[in-house]
C-alpha cells in the first residue's frame, strides 16, 4: 500500500531526460555548435570555483556573484575587451593571496 517511490522516481527521471533531449534537439537547430563553443564558460566556471573555494558550494555561489557583478560594472569604466583580462587578473590575485579561495578553509 502507498505510492511506489521507486517507480515514481524512475518515471520522473525518464520524463526529465526525455524533455531535456527534446529541448536540446530543438535548440540545436537554432544555434551552431563548434568544438570550442563552451571554452569561455568552462574557464569562467573554473574561476568561479577557485574564487569561492573548491568543495564549497556557498563559496561558489558568492564567487559567481562577485564575477557577475564585475562583468556588469567593468564595462561602464573600461572597454568591454578588458573584462576577461581583469577577471583573470582577479583570479591570479586571489590565487596569490588566498590559494584556498575566498571561502575555503585554511589547512
PDB file of N, CA and C in Angstrom:
ATOM      1  N   UNK A   1       0.832  -1.164   0.000  1.00  0.00           N
ATOM      2  CA  UNK A   1       0.000   0.000   0.000  1.00  0.00           C
ATOM      3  C   UNK A   1       0.887   1.242   0.000  1.00  0.00           C
ATOM      4  N   UNK A   2       0.407   2.298  -0.621  1.00  0.00           N
ATOM      5  CA  UNK A   2       1.179   3.531  -0.681  1.00  0.00           C
ATOM      6  C   UNK A   2       1.656   3.805  -2.096  1.00  0.00           C
ATOM      7  N   UNK A   3       2.457   4.798  -2.213  1.00  0.00           N
ATOM      8  CA  UNK A   3       2.991   5.210  -3.512  1.00  0.00           C
ATOM      9  C   UNK A   3       4.285   4.446  -3.769  1.00  0.00           C
ATOM     10  N   UNK A   4       4.389   3.792  -4.935  1.00  0.00           N
ATOM     11  CA  UNK A   4       5.638   3.075  -5.248  1.00  0.00           C
ATOM     12  C   UNK A   4       6.741   4.081  -5.599  1.00  0.00           C
ATOM     13  N   UNK A   5       7.549   4.441  -4.618  1.00  0.00           N
ATOM     14  CA  UNK A   5       8.517   5.525  -4.802  1.00  0.00           C
ATOM     15  C   UNK A   5       9.578   5.191  -5.847  1.00  0.00           C
ATOM     16  N   UNK A   6       9.984   3.939  -5.953  1.00  0.00           N
ATOM     17  CA  UNK A   6      10.999   3.572  -6.950  1.00  0.00           C
ATOM     18  C   UNK A   6      10.469   3.780  -8.364  1.00  0.00           C
ATOM     19  N   UNK A   7       9.211   3.434  -8.584  1.00  0.00           N
ATOM     20  CA  UNK A   7       8.629   3.614  -9.917  1.00  0.00           C
ATOM     21  C   UNK A   7       8.414   5.097 -10.235  1.00  0.00           C
ATOM     22  N   UNK A   8       7.983   5.860  -9.259  1.00  0.00           N
ATOM     23  CA  UNK A   8       7.783   7.296  -9.461  1.00  0.00           C
ATOM     24  C   UNK A   8       9.121   7.979  -9.740  1.00  0.00           C
ATOM     25  N   UNK A   9      10.164   7.569  -9.029  1.00  0.00           N
ATOM     26  CA  UNK A   9      11.494   8.121  -9.256  1.00  0.00           C
ATOM     27  C   UNK A   9      11.976   7.810 -10.667  1.00  0.00           C
ATOM     28  N   UNK A  10      11.808   6.566 -11.100  1.00  0.00           N
ATOM     29  CA  UNK A  10      12.223   6.180 -12.449  1.00  0.00           C
ATOM     30  C   UNK A  10      11.409   6.916 -13.509  1.00  0.00           C
ATOM     31  N   UNK A  11      10.120   7.063 -13.276  1.00  0.00           N
ATOM     32  CA  UNK A  11       9.267   7.766 -14.231  1.00  0.00           C
ATOM     33  C   UNK A  11       9.645   9.244 -14.337  1.00  0.00           C
ATOM     34  N   UNK A  12       9.859   9.904 -13.200  1.00  0.00           N
ATOM     35  CA  UNK A  12      10.218  11.328 -13.241  1.00  0.00           C
ATOM     36  C   UNK A  12      11.594  11.535 -13.860  1.00  0.00           C
ATOM     37  N   UNK A  13      12.527  10.630 -13.600  1.00  0.00           N
ATOM     38  CA  UNK A  13      13.844  10.722 -14.227  1.00  0.00           C
ATOM     39  C   UNK A  13      13.730  10.535 -15.734  1.00  0.00           C
ATOM     40  N   UNK A  14      12.935   9.574 -16.153  1.00  0.00           N
ATOM     41  CA  UNK A  14      12.744   9.331 -17.582  1.00  0.00           C
ATOM     42  C   UNK A  14      12.081  10.500 -18.281  1.00  0.00           C
ATOM     43  N   UNK A  15      11.054  11.085 -17.648  1.00  0.00           N
ATOM     44  CA  UNK A  15      10.384  12.245 -18.243  1.00  0.00           C
ATOM     45  C   UNK A  15      11.320  13.451 -18.332  1.00  0.00           C
ATOM     46  N   UNK A  16      12.099  13.670 -17.295  1.00  0.00           N
ATOM     47  CA  UNK A  16      13.054  14.781 -17.315  1.00  0.00           C
ATOM     48  C   UNK A  16      14.112  14.600 -18.387  1.00  0.00           C
ATOM     49  N   UNK A  17      14.602  13.375 -18.532  1.00  0.00           N
ATOM     50  CA  UNK A  17      15.591  13.082 -19.570  1.00  0.00           C
ATOM     51  C   UNK A  17      14.995  13.272 -20.951  1.00  0.00           C
ATOM     52  N   UNK A  18      13.759  12.826 -21.130  1.00  0.00           N
ATOM     53  CA  UNK A  18      13.091  12.976 -22.421  1.00  0.00           C
ATOM     54  C   UNK A  18      12.914  14.455 -22.773  1.00  0.00           C
ATOM     55  N   UNK A  19      12.469  15.258 -21.817  1.00  0.00           N
ATOM     56  CA  UNK A  19      12.286  16.684 -22.074  1.00  0.00           C
ATOM     57  C   UNK A  19      13.614  17.383 -22.364  1.00  0.00           C
ATOM     58  N   UNK A  20      14.671  16.985 -21.667  1.00  0.00           N
ATOM     59  CA  UNK A  20      15.988  17.575 -21.925  1.00  0.00           C
ATOM     60  C   UNK A  20      16.480  17.212 -23.321  1.00  0.00           C
ATOM     61  N   UNK A  21      16.257  15.977 -23.742  1.00  0.00           N
ATOM     62  CA  UNK A  21      16.688  15.549 -25.077  1.00  0.00           C
ATOM     63  C   UNK A  21      15.908  16.277 -26.163  1.00  0.00           C
ATOM     64  N   UNK A  22      14.612  16.418 -25.975  1.00  0.00           N
ATOM     65  CA  UNK A  22      13.794  17.114 -26.973  1.00  0.00           C
ATOM     66  C   UNK A  22      14.191  18.589 -27.056  1.00  0.00           C
ATOM     67  N   UNK A  23      14.343  19.245 -25.906  1.00  0.00           N
ATOM     68  CA  UNK A  23      14.709  20.662 -25.937  1.00  0.00           C
ATOM     69  C   UNK A  23      16.112  20.859 -26.491  1.00  0.00           C
ATOM     70  N   UNK A  24      17.027  19.953 -26.197  1.00  0.00           N
ATOM     71  CA  UNK A  24      18.371  20.046 -26.767  1.00  0.00           C
ATOM     72  C   UNK A  24      18.357  19.889 -28.273  1.00  0.00           C
ATOM     73  N   UNK A  25      17.540  18.963 -28.761  1.00  0.00           N
ATOM     74  CA  UNK A  25      17.426  18.779 -30.208  1.00  0.00           C
ATOM     75  C   UNK A  25      16.808  19.976 -30.899  1.00  0.00           C
ATOM     76  N   UNK A  26      15.811  20.588 -30.266  1.00  0.00           N
ATOM     77  CA  UNK A  26      15.179  21.763 -30.863  1.00  0.00           C
ATOM     78  C   UNK A  26      16.089  22.990 -30.824  1.00  0.00           C
ATOM     79  N   UNK A  27      16.793  23.168 -29.738  1.00  0.00           N
ATOM     80  CA  UNK A  27      17.689  24.327 -29.632  1.00  0.00           C
ATOM     81  C   UNK A  27      18.887  24.171 -30.557  1.00  0.00           C
ATOM     82  N   UNK A  28      19.311  22.949 -30.823  1.00  0.00           N
ATOM     83  CA  UNK A  28      20.467  22.728 -31.702  1.00  0.00           C
ATOM     84  C   UNK A  28      20.201  23.198 -33.122  1.00  0.00           C
ATOM     85  N   UNK A  29      18.940  23.297 -33.516  1.00  0.00           N
ATOM     86  CA  UNK A  29      18.642  23.785 -34.858  1.00  0.00           C
ATOM     87  C   UNK A  29      18.804  25.298 -34.972  1.00  0.00           C
ATOM     88  N   UNK A  30      18.779  26.010 -33.850  1.00  0.00           N
ATOM     89  CA  UNK A  30      18.897  27.470 -33.875  1.00  0.00           C
ATOM     90  C   UNK A  30      20.318  27.967 -33.653  1.00  0.00           C
ATOM     91  N   UNK A  31      21.101  27.238 -32.878  1.00  0.00           N
ATOM     92  CA  UNK A  31      22.441  27.690 -32.521  1.00  0.00           C
ATOM     93  C   UNK A  31      23.478  26.747 -33.106  1.00  0.00           C
ATOM     94  N   UNK A  32      24.457  27.286 -33.821  1.00  0.00           N
ATOM     95  CA  UNK A  32      25.506  26.413 -34.358  1.00  0.00           C
ATOM     96  C   UNK A  32      26.404  25.912 -33.233  1.00  0.00           C
ATOM     97  N   UNK A  33      26.969  24.765 -33.425  1.00  0.00           N
ATOM     98  CA  UNK A  33      27.834  24.166 -32.415  1.00  0.00           C
ATOM     99  C   UNK A  33      29.213  23.934 -33.001  1.00  0.00           C
ATOM    100  N   UNK A  34      30.226  24.347 -32.285  1.00  0.00           N
ATOM    101  CA  UNK A  34      31.600  24.033 -32.649  1.00  0.00           C
ATOM    102  C   UNK A  34      32.261  23.355 -31.459  1.00  0.00           C
ATOM    103  N   UNK A  35      33.401  22.787 -31.689  1.00  0.00           N
ATOM    104  CA  UNK A  35      34.090  22.066 -30.625  1.00  0.00           C
ATOM    105  C   UNK A  35      34.562  23.017 -29.518  1.00  0.00           C
ATOM    106  N   UNK A  36      34.780  24.280 -29.854  1.00  0.00           N
ATOM    107  CA  UNK A  36      35.258  25.262 -28.877  1.00  0.00           C
ATOM    108  C   UNK A  36      34.136  26.115 -28.293  1.00  0.00           C
ATOM    109  N   UNK A  37      32.896  25.705 -28.468  1.00  0.00           N
ATOM    110  CA  UNK A  37      31.758  26.529 -28.072  1.00  0.00           C
ATOM    111  C   UNK A  37      31.705  26.786 -26.565  1.00  0.00           C
ATOM    112  N   UNK A  38      32.101  25.854 -25.743  1.00  0.00           N
ATOM    113  CA  UNK A  38      31.969  26.034 -24.303  1.00  0.00           C
ATOM    114  C   UNK A  38      33.228  26.464 -23.598  1.00  0.00           C
ATOM    115  N   UNK A  39      34.256  26.828 -24.335  1.00  0.00           N
ATOM    116  CA  UNK A  39      35.537  27.175 -23.722  1.00  0.00           C
ATOM    117  C   UNK A  39      35.461  28.349 -22.776  1.00  0.00           C
ATOM    118  N   UNK A  40      34.740  29.381 -23.154  1.00  0.00           N
ATOM    119  CA  UNK A  40      34.631  30.573 -22.305  1.00  0.00           C
ATOM    120  C   UNK A  40      33.898  30.230 -21.014  1.00  0.00           C
ATOM    121  N   UNK A  41      32.824  29.468 -21.123  1.00  0.00           N
ATOM    122  CA  UNK A  41      32.042  29.111 -19.931  1.00  0.00           C
ATOM    123  C   UNK A  41      32.815  28.155 -19.030  1.00  0.00           C
ATOM    124  N   UNK A  42      33.605  27.294 -19.640  1.00  0.00           N
ATOM    125  CA  UNK A  42      34.413  26.366 -18.851  1.00  0.00           C
ATOM    126  C   UNK A  42      35.449  27.124 -18.028  1.00  0.00           C
ATOM    127  N   UNK A  43      36.114  28.088 -18.638  1.00  0.00           N
ATOM    128  CA  UNK A  43      37.099  28.877 -17.904  1.00  0.00           C
ATOM    129  C   UNK A  43      36.448  29.721 -16.816  1.00  0.00           C
ATOM    130  N   UNK A  44      35.299  30.304 -17.119  1.00  0.00           N
ATOM    131  CA  UNK A  44      34.616  31.121 -16.105  1.00  0.00           C
ATOM    132  C   UNK A  44      34.149  30.268 -14.928  1.00  0.00           C
ATOM    133  N   UNK A  45      33.656  29.070 -15.203  1.00  0.00           N
ATOM    134  CA  UNK A  45      33.222  28.212 -14.102  1.00  0.00           C
ATOM    135  C   UNK A  45      34.413  27.780 -13.254  1.00  0.00           C
ATOM    136  N   UNK A  46      35.564  27.580 -13.878  1.00  0.00           N
ATOM    137  CA  UNK A  46      36.770  27.249 -13.111  1.00  0.00           C
ATOM    138  C   UNK A  46      37.175  28.424 -12.223  1.00  0.00           C
ATOM    139  N   UNK A  47      37.141  29.625 -12.762  1.00  0.00           N
ATOM    140  CA  UNK A  47      37.479  30.820 -11.985  1.00  0.00           C
ATOM    141  C   UNK A  47      36.502  30.989 -10.826  1.00  0.00           C
ATOM    142  N   UNK A  48      35.223  30.769 -11.065  1.00  0.00           N
ATOM    143  CA  UNK A  48      34.213  30.893 -10.008  1.00  0.00           C
ATOM    144  C   UNK A  48      34.467  29.871  -8.909  1.00  0.00           C
ATOM    145  N   UNK A  49      34.773  28.639  -9.294  1.00  0.00           N
ATOM    146  CA  UNK A  49      35.039  27.606  -8.299  1.00  0.00           C
ATOM    147  C   UNK A  49      36.257  27.915  -7.454  1.00  0.00           C
ATOM    148  N   UNK A  50      37.310  28.412  -8.075  1.00  0.00           N
ATOM    149  CA  UNK A  50      38.524  28.729  -7.325  1.00  0.00           C
ATOM    150  C   UNK A  50      38.327  29.981  -6.472  1.00  0.00           C
ATOM    151  N   UNK A  51      37.597  30.967  -6.987  1.00  0.00           N
ATOM    152  CA  UNK A  51      37.333  32.169  -6.191  1.00  0.00           C
ATOM    153  C   UNK A  51      36.583  31.825  -4.911  1.00  0.00           C
ATOM    154  N   UNK A  52      35.571  30.993  -5.024  1.00  0.00           N
ATOM    155  CA  UNK A  52      34.764  30.655  -3.864  1.00  0.00           C
ATOM    156  C   UNK A  52      35.419  29.656  -2.938  1.00  0.00           C
ATOM    157  N   UNK A  53      36.310  28.857  -3.450  1.00  0.00           N
ATOM    158  CA  UNK A  53      36.932  27.802  -2.665  1.00  0.00           C
ATOM    159  C   UNK A  53      36.451  26.456  -3.159  1.00  0.00           C
ATOM    160  N   UNK A  54      37.368  25.602  -3.518  1.00  0.00           N
ATOM    161  CA  UNK A  54      36.998  24.301  -4.063  1.00  0.00           C
ATOM    162  C   UNK A  54      36.286  23.466  -3.010  1.00  0.00           C
ATOM    163  N   UNK A  55      35.208  22.839  -3.389  1.00  0.00           N
ATOM    164  CA  UNK A  55      34.455  21.995  -2.477  1.00  0.00           C
ATOM    165  C   UNK A  55      33.497  22.758  -1.579  1.00  0.00           C
ATOM    166  N   UNK A  56      33.260  24.017  -1.856  1.00  0.00           N
ATOM    167  CA  UNK A  56      32.373  24.832  -1.033  1.00  0.00           C
ATOM    168  C   UNK A  56      31.277  25.422  -1.921  1.00  0.00           C
ATOM    169  N   UNK A  57      30.071  24.842  -1.925  1.00  0.00           N
ATOM    170  CA  UNK A  57      29.010  25.344  -2.796  1.00  0.00           C
ATOM    171  C   UNK A  57      28.593  26.782  -2.495  1.00  0.00           C
ATOM    172  N   UNK A  58      28.568  27.164  -1.241  1.00  0.00           N
ATOM    173  CA  UNK A  58      28.210  28.542  -0.890  1.00  0.00           C
ATOM    174  C   UNK A  58      29.284  29.497  -1.396  1.00  0.00           C
ATOM    175  N   UNK A  59      30.539  29.083  -1.296  1.00  0.00           N
ATOM    176  CA  UNK A  59      31.630  29.896  -1.818  1.00  0.00           C
ATOM    177  C   UNK A  59      31.547  30.044  -3.324  1.00  0.00           C
ATOM    178  N   UNK A  60      31.156  28.965  -4.018  1.00  0.00           N
ATOM    179  CA  UNK A  60      30.994  29.043  -5.470  1.00  0.00           C
ATOM    180  C   UNK A  60      29.859  29.990  -5.832  1.00  0.00           C
ATOM    181  N   UNK A  61      28.810  30.004  -5.031  1.00  0.00           N
ATOM    182  CA  UNK A  61      27.706  30.936  -5.264  1.00  0.00           C
ATOM    183  C   UNK A  61      28.185  32.380  -5.136  1.00  0.00           C
ATOM    184  N   UNK A  62      28.933  32.668  -4.076  1.00  0.00           N
ATOM    185  CA  UNK A  62      29.447  34.026  -3.897  1.00  0.00           C
ATOM    186  C   UNK A  62      30.522  34.364  -4.927  1.00  0.00           C
ATOM    187  N   UNK A  63      31.323  33.374  -5.325  1.00  0.00           N
ATOM    188  CA  UNK A  63      32.305  33.606  -6.385  1.00  0.00           C
ATOM    189  C   UNK A  63      31.631  33.970  -7.692  1.00  0.00           C
ATOM    190  N   UNK A  64      30.531  33.288  -8.016  1.00  0.00           N
ATOM    191  CA  UNK A  64      29.770  33.617  -9.216  1.00  0.00           C
ATOM    192  C   UNK A  64      29.124  34.980  -9.116  1.00  0.00           C
ATOM    193  N   UNK A  65      28.655  35.319  -7.931  1.00  0.00           N
ATOM    194  CA  UNK A  65      28.058  36.638  -7.721  1.00  0.00           C
ATOM    195  C   UNK A  65      29.098  37.739  -7.898  1.00  0.00           C
ATOM    196  N   UNK A  66      30.277  37.535  -7.342  1.00  0.00           N
ATOM    197  CA  UNK A  66      31.354  38.522  -7.479  1.00  0.00           C
ATOM    198  C   UNK A  66      31.742  38.689  -8.941  1.00  0.00           C
ATOM    199  N   UNK A  67      31.919  37.576  -9.643  1.00  0.00           N
ATOM    200  CA  UNK A  67      32.313  37.648 -11.050  1.00  0.00           C
ATOM    201  C   UNK A  67      31.212  38.281 -11.895  1.00  0.00           C
ATOM    202  N   UNK A  68      29.962  37.970 -11.608  1.00  0.00           N
ATOM    203  CA  UNK A  68      28.854  38.562 -12.352  1.00  0.00           C
ATOM    204  C   UNK A  68      28.740  40.063 -12.146  1.00  0.00           C
ATOM    205  N   UNK A  69      28.926  40.497 -10.912  1.00  0.00           N
ATOM    206  CA  UNK A  69      28.879  41.934 -10.635  1.00  0.00           C
ATOM    207  C   UNK A  69      30.035  42.646 -11.336  1.00  0.00           C
ATOM    208  N   UNK A  70      31.221  42.033 -11.307  1.00  0.00           N
ATOM    209  CA  UNK A  70      32.357  42.637 -12.009  1.00  0.00           C
ATOM    210  C   UNK A  70      32.107  42.726 -13.506  1.00  0.00           C
ATOM    211  N   UNK A  71      31.492  41.685 -14.081  1.00  0.00           N
ATOM    212  CA  UNK A  71      31.184  41.712 -15.514  1.00  0.00           C
ATOM    213  C   UNK A  71      30.180  42.806 -15.848  1.00  0.00           C
ATOM    214  N   UNK A  72      29.339  43.158 -14.912  1.00  0.00           N
ATOM    215  CA  UNK A  72      28.374  44.218 -15.150  1.00  0.00           C
ATOM    216  C   UNK A  72      28.927  45.612 -14.914  1.00  0.00           C
ATOM    217  N   UNK A  73      29.877  45.734 -13.985  1.00  0.00           N
ATOM    218  CA  UNK A  73      30.400  47.049 -13.622  1.00  0.00           C
ATOM    219  C   UNK A  73      31.565  47.477 -14.508  1.00  0.00           C
ATOM    220  N   UNK A  74      32.459  46.556 -14.837  1.00  0.00           N
ATOM    221  CA  UNK A  74      33.677  46.907 -15.576  1.00  0.00           C
ATOM    222  C   UNK A  74      33.386  47.623 -16.897  1.00  0.00           C
ATOM    223  N   UNK A  75      32.399  47.190 -17.707  1.00  0.00           N
ATOM    224  CA  UNK A  75      32.187  47.886 -18.989  1.00  0.00           C
ATOM    225  C   UNK A  75      31.742  49.341 -18.864  1.00  0.00           C
ATOM    226  N   UNK A  76      31.301  49.772 -17.702  1.00  0.00           N
ATOM    227  CA  UNK A  76      30.938  51.184 -17.561  1.00  0.00           C
ATOM    228  C   UNK A  76      32.164  52.080 -17.442  1.00  0.00           C
ATOM    229  N   UNK A  77      33.296  51.509 -17.041  1.00  0.00           N
ATOM    230  CA  UNK A  77      34.513  52.292 -16.851  1.00  0.00           C
ATOM    231  C   UNK A  77      35.578  52.035 -17.909  1.00  0.00           C
ATOM    232  N   UNK A  78      35.543  50.870 -18.526  1.00  0.00           N
ATOM    233  CA  UNK A  78      36.584  50.472 -19.478  1.00  0.00           C
ATOM    234  C   UNK A  78      35.943  49.829 -20.694  1.00  0.00           C
ATOM    235  N   UNK A  79      36.722  49.633 -21.758  1.00  0.00           N
ATOM    236  CA  UNK A  79      36.185  48.906 -22.915  1.00  0.00           C
ATOM    237  C   UNK A  79      35.831  47.462 -22.549  1.00  0.00           C
ATOM    238  N   UNK A  80      34.875  46.911 -23.242  1.00  0.00           N
ATOM    239  CA  UNK A  80      34.393  45.559 -22.955  1.00  0.00           C
ATOM    240  C   UNK A  80      35.476  44.509 -23.142  1.00  0.00           C
ATOM    241  N   UNK A  81      36.440  44.777 -23.991  1.00  0.00           N
ATOM    242  CA  UNK A  81      37.501  43.794 -24.232  1.00  0.00           C
ATOM    243  C   UNK A  81      38.393  43.597 -23.015  1.00  0.00           C
ATOM    244  N   UNK A  82      38.336  44.496 -22.051  1.00  0.00           N
ATOM    245  CA  UNK A  82      39.146  44.361 -20.849  1.00  0.00           C
ATOM    246  C   UNK A  82      38.499  43.480 -19.781  1.00  0.00           C
ATOM    247  N   UNK A  83      37.253  43.112 -19.954  1.00  0.00           N
ATOM    248  CA  UNK A  83      36.547  42.324 -18.933  1.00  0.00           C
ATOM    249  C   UNK A  83      37.253  40.997 -18.653  1.00  0.00           C
ATOM    250  N   UNK A  84      37.561  40.161 -19.667  1.00  0.00           N
ATOM    251  CA  UNK A  84      38.242  38.896 -19.351  1.00  0.00           C
ATOM    252  C   UNK A  84      39.625  39.100 -18.750  1.00  0.00           C
ATOM    253  N   UNK A  85      40.319  40.138 -19.180  1.00  0.00           N
ATOM    254  CA  UNK A  85      41.657  40.402 -18.641  1.00  0.00           C
ATOM    255  C   UNK A  85      41.574  40.702 -17.148  1.00  0.00           C
ATOM    256  N   UNK A  86      40.643  41.545 -16.755  1.00  0.00           N
ATOM    257  CA  UNK A  86      40.503  41.887 -15.340  1.00  0.00           C
ATOM    258  C   UNK A  86      39.958  40.719 -14.521  1.00  0.00           C
ATOM    259  N   UNK A  87      39.089  39.902 -15.121  1.00  0.00           N
ATOM    260  CA  UNK A  87      38.581  38.724 -14.407  1.00  0.00           C
ATOM    261  C   UNK A  87      39.708  37.761 -14.078  1.00  0.00           C
ATOM    262  N   UNK A  88      40.542  37.488 -15.065  1.00  0.00           N
ATOM    263  CA  UNK A  88      41.629  36.548 -14.815  1.00  0.00           C
ATOM    264  C   UNK A  88      42.741  37.188 -13.990  1.00  0.00           C
ATOM    265  N   UNK A  89      42.855  38.505 -14.049  1.00  0.00           N
ATOM    266  CA  UNK A  89      43.771  39.185 -13.137  1.00  0.00           C
ATOM    267  C   UNK A  89      43.323  39.022 -11.693  1.00  0.00           C
ATOM    268  N   UNK A  90      42.017  39.143 -11.456  1.00  0.00           N
ATOM    269  CA  UNK A  90      41.462  38.901 -10.123  1.00  0.00           C
ATOM    270  C   UNK A  90      41.697  37.456  -9.701  1.00  0.00           C
ATOM    271  N   UNK A  91      41.545  36.545 -10.647  1.00  0.00           N
ATOM    272  CA  UNK A  91      41.773  35.121 -10.392  1.00  0.00           C
ATOM    273  C   UNK A  91      43.207  34.879  -9.928  1.00  0.00           C
ATOM    274  N   UNK A  92      44.171  35.455 -10.627  1.00  0.00           N
ATOM    275  CA  UNK A  92      45.581  35.283 -10.260  1.00  0.00           C
ATOM    276  C   UNK A  92      45.856  35.944  -8.917  1.00  0.00           C
ATOM    277  N   UNK A  93      45.272  37.109  -8.682  1.00  0.00           N
ATOM    278  CA  UNK A  93      45.456  37.800  -7.410  1.00  0.00           C
ATOM    279  C   UNK A  93      44.917  36.970  -6.242  1.00  0.00           C
ATOM    280  N   UNK A  94      43.746  36.387  -6.409  1.00  0.00           N
ATOM    281  CA  UNK A  94      43.176  35.539  -5.353  1.00  0.00           C
ATOM    282  C   UNK A  94      44.055  34.314  -5.124  1.00  0.00           C
ATOM    283  N   UNK A  95      44.578  33.735  -6.204  1.00  0.00           N
ATOM    284  CA  UNK A  95      45.453  32.575  -6.042  1.00  0.00           C
ATOM    285  C   UNK A  95      46.738  32.941  -5.304  1.00  0.00           C
ATOM    286  N   UNK A  96      47.243  34.142  -5.516  1.00  0.00           N
ATOM    287  CA  UNK A  96      48.457  34.561  -4.821  1.00  0.00           C
ATOM    288  C   UNK A  96      48.191  34.887  -3.355  1.00  0.00           C
ATOM    289  N   UNK A  97      47.065  35.550  -3.074  1.00  0.00           N
ATOM    290  CA  UNK A  97      46.776  35.991  -1.709  1.00  0.00           C
ATOM    291  C   UNK A  97      46.168  34.869  -0.869  1.00  0.00           C
ATOM    292  N   UNK A  98      45.151  34.209  -1.397  1.00  0.00           N
ATOM    293  CA  UNK A  98      44.471  33.112  -0.680  1.00  0.00           C
ATOM    294  C   UNK A  98      44.320  31.925  -1.613  1.00  0.00           C
ATOM    295  N   UNK A  99      45.288  31.032  -1.659  1.00  0.00           N
ATOM    296  CA  UNK A  99      45.229  29.901  -2.599  1.00  0.00           C
ATOM    297  C   UNK A  99      44.042  28.969  -2.368  1.00  0.00           C
ATOM    298  N   UNK A 100      43.466  28.959  -1.177  1.00  0.00           N
ATOM    299  CA  UNK A 100      42.323  28.089  -0.906  1.00  0.00           C
ATOM    300  C   UNK A 100      41.008  28.718  -1.344  1.00  0.00           C
ATOM    301  N   UNK A 101      41.025  29.938  -1.847  1.00  0.00           N
ATOM    302  CA  UNK A 101      39.805  30.619  -2.282  1.00  0.00           C
ATOM    303  C   UNK A 101      39.296  31.548  -1.198  1.00  0.00           C
ATOM    304  N   UNK A 102      38.281  32.316  -1.525  1.00  0.00           N
ATOM    305  CA  UNK A 102      37.760  33.283  -0.558  1.00  0.00           C
ATOM    306  C   UNK A 102      37.066  32.618   0.617  1.00  0.00           C
ATOM    307  N   UNK A 103      36.345  31.536   0.363  1.00  0.00           N
ATOM    308  CA  UNK A 103      35.588  30.868   1.419  1.00  0.00           C
ATOM    309  C   UNK A 103      36.139  29.489   1.739  1.00  0.00           C
ATOM    310  N   UNK A 104      37.331  29.184   1.267  1.00  0.00           N
ATOM    311  CA  UNK A 104      37.940  27.889   1.549  1.00  0.00           C
ATOM    312  C   UNK A 104      38.519  27.855   2.953  1.00  0.00           C
ATOM    313  N   UNK A 105      38.562  26.675   3.531  1.00  0.00           N
ATOM    314  CA  UNK A 105      39.096  26.529   4.883  1.00  0.00           C
ATOM    315  C   UNK A 105      40.616  26.478   4.835  1.00  0.00           C
ATOM    316  N   UNK A 106      41.246  27.085   5.814  1.00  0.00           N
ATOM    317  CA  UNK A 106      42.709  27.027   5.901  1.00  0.00           C
ATOM    318  C   UNK A 106      43.113  25.684   6.471  1.00  0.00           C
ATOM    319  N   UNK A 107      44.228  25.199   5.983  1.00  0.00           N
ATOM    320  CA  UNK A 107      44.700  23.887   6.471  1.00  0.00           C
ATOM    321  C   UNK A 107      45.833  24.045   7.445  1.00  0.00           C
TER     322      UNK A 107
END
